[in-house]
C-alpha cells in the first residue's frame, strides 16, 4: 500500500525537478521563455517521449536497486504495486539484453585465438 504512494511521490518529485531545470535552462538560453511558442503536436510528442523516458529511468533505477538489494527483501509488498509488473518486466528485458560474464569470457577466448 505504501509502495504506490512512495513511488508516486518520488516520480512526482523527479518530474517537478526536471521541469524546473528545463525551464531554467530554456530561460537562460533564450533570455525569455515568452519567445517560445510550443504547438500542440510538440506538446503531444513531448508527453509521449517524456513518459517513455520516465519508464526507462524507472526500469534502470529498479534494476540497479534490485541488483544490490532484491525486492523480495524490501519491507513493503512491492508485488502489489500497480506499476510493479510493468517495471519488473522491463527490468528482466534489460537484464536479458546485457551480456553475461560467460559471454565476456567466451569473447576473450575467441579474441586470443585470433
Protein backbone atom coordinates (compact mmCIF):
# COMPACT_ATOMS: atom_id res chain seq x y z
CA UNK A 1 0.00 0.00 0.00
CA UNK A 2 2.74 2.45 0.89
CA UNK A 3 4.84 1.34 -2.08
CA UNK A 4 2.46 3.01 -4.53
CA UNK A 5 2.43 6.22 -2.54
CA UNK A 6 6.20 6.37 -2.19
CA UNK A 7 6.70 5.56 -5.86
CA UNK A 8 4.17 8.26 -6.84
CA UNK A 9 5.83 10.86 -4.62
CA UNK A 10 9.30 10.07 -5.96
CA UNK A 11 8.08 10.16 -9.56
CA UNK A 12 6.27 13.46 -8.98
CA UNK A 13 9.34 14.96 -7.34
CA UNK A 14 11.58 13.92 -10.22
CA UNK A 15 9.08 15.32 -12.73
CA UNK A 16 8.82 18.67 -10.92
CA UNK A 17 12.61 18.92 -10.53
CA UNK A 18 13.17 18.09 -14.19
CA UNK A 19 10.54 20.61 -15.30
CA UNK A 20 12.08 23.36 -13.19
CA UNK A 21 15.57 22.63 -14.52
CA UNK A 22 14.38 22.59 -18.15
CA UNK A 23 12.51 25.89 -17.71
CA UNK A 24 15.56 27.44 -16.10
CA UNK A 25 17.81 26.25 -18.93
CA UNK A 26 15.40 27.47 -21.62
CA UNK A 27 15.09 30.88 -20.00
CA UNK A 28 18.87 31.13 -19.79
CA UNK A 29 19.32 30.07 -23.40
CA UNK A 30 16.57 32.18 -24.92
CA UNK A 31 16.65 35.08 -22.43
CA UNK A 32 12.88 34.94 -22.19
CA UNK A 33 10.54 31.99 -22.17
CA UNK A 34 7.81 34.18 -23.71
CA UNK A 35 9.53 33.99 -27.10
CA UNK A 36 8.97 30.22 -27.25
CA UNK A 37 5.79 29.04 -28.92
CA UNK A 38 5.01 25.41 -28.33
CA UNK A 39 2.49 23.88 -30.69
CA UNK A 40 0.04 21.15 -29.61
CA UNK A 41 1.82 18.44 -31.62
CA UNK A 42 5.09 19.35 -29.88
CA UNK A 43 3.38 19.01 -26.53
CA UNK A 44 1.94 15.63 -27.54
CA UNK A 45 5.27 14.25 -28.71
CA UNK A 46 6.97 15.71 -25.64
CA UNK A 47 4.43 13.97 -23.42
CA UNK A 48 4.83 10.62 -25.19
CA UNK A 49 8.62 10.69 -25.18
CA UNK A 50 8.63 12.01 -21.61
CA UNK A 51 6.51 9.08 -20.44
CA UNK A 52 8.80 6.64 -22.26
CA UNK A 53 11.91 8.31 -20.82
CA UNK A 54 10.42 8.16 -17.32
CA UNK A 55 9.67 4.47 -17.80
CA UNK A 56 13.25 3.78 -18.91
CA UNK A 57 14.62 5.70 -15.90
CA UNK A 58 12.34 3.78 -13.51
CA UNK A 59 13.38 0.45 -15.03
CA UNK A 60 17.09 1.35 -14.72
CA UNK A 61 16.72 2.51 -11.11
CA UNK A 62 14.73 -0.62 -10.22
CA UNK A 63 17.26 -2.90 -11.94
CA UNK A 64 20.20 -1.34 -10.12
CA UNK A 65 18.50 -1.28 -6.73
CA UNK A 66 17.21 -4.83 -7.21
CA UNK A 67 20.75 -5.95 -8.06
CA UNK A 68 22.12 -4.67 -4.75
CA UNK A 69 19.08 -5.37 -2.59
CA UNK A 70 16.41 -7.73 -4.08
CA UNK A 71 12.83 -6.53 -3.93
CA UNK A 72 11.80 -9.67 -2.01
CA UNK A 73 13.76 -8.29 0.98
CA UNK A 74 12.10 -4.86 0.91
CA UNK A 75 9.89 -4.03 3.88
CA UNK A 76 6.94 -3.33 1.59
CA UNK A 77 4.97 -5.69 -0.64
CA UNK A 78 6.25 -4.49 -4.00
CA UNK A 79 4.34 -7.16 -5.92
CA UNK A 80 1.03 -5.45 -5.05
CA UNK A 81 2.09 -2.13 -6.55
CA UNK A 82 0.20 -1.01 -9.66
CA UNK A 83 3.27 -0.47 -11.82
CA UNK A 84 5.42 -3.28 -10.41
CA UNK A 85 4.69 -5.88 -13.11
CA UNK A 86 5.42 -3.42 -15.90
CA UNK A 87 8.68 -2.21 -14.37
CA UNK A 88 9.78 -5.72 -13.37
CA UNK A 89 9.15 -6.98 -16.91
CA UNK A 90 11.19 -4.08 -18.31
CA UNK A 91 13.94 -4.89 -15.84
CA UNK A 92 14.01 -8.52 -16.96
CA UNK A 93 14.22 -7.44 -20.62
CA UNK A 94 17.06 -5.05 -19.74
CA UNK A 95 18.95 -7.76 -17.86
CA UNK A 96 18.48 -10.24 -20.73
CA UNK A 97 19.93 -7.74 -23.22
CA UNK A 98 23.18 -7.26 -21.30
CA UNK A 99 25.83 -9.92 -21.87
CA UNK A 100 26.60 -12.31 -19.03
CA UNK A 101 30.05 -12.92 -17.57
CA UNK A 102 30.29 -16.17 -19.56
CA UNK A 103 29.84 -14.16 -22.77
CA UNK A 104 32.75 -11.95 -21.78
CA UNK A 105 34.97 -14.96 -21.09
CA UNK A 106 33.99 -16.62 -24.38
CA UNK A 107 34.69 -13.41 -26.30
CA UNK A 108 38.08 -13.05 -24.61
CA UNK A 109 38.97 -16.65 -25.57
CA UNK A 110 37.85 -16.08 -29.19
CA UNK A 111 39.97 -12.92 -29.42
CA UNK A 112 43.01 -14.73 -28.00
CA UNK A 113 42.60 -17.48 -30.62
CA UNK A 114 42.70 -14.91 -33.41
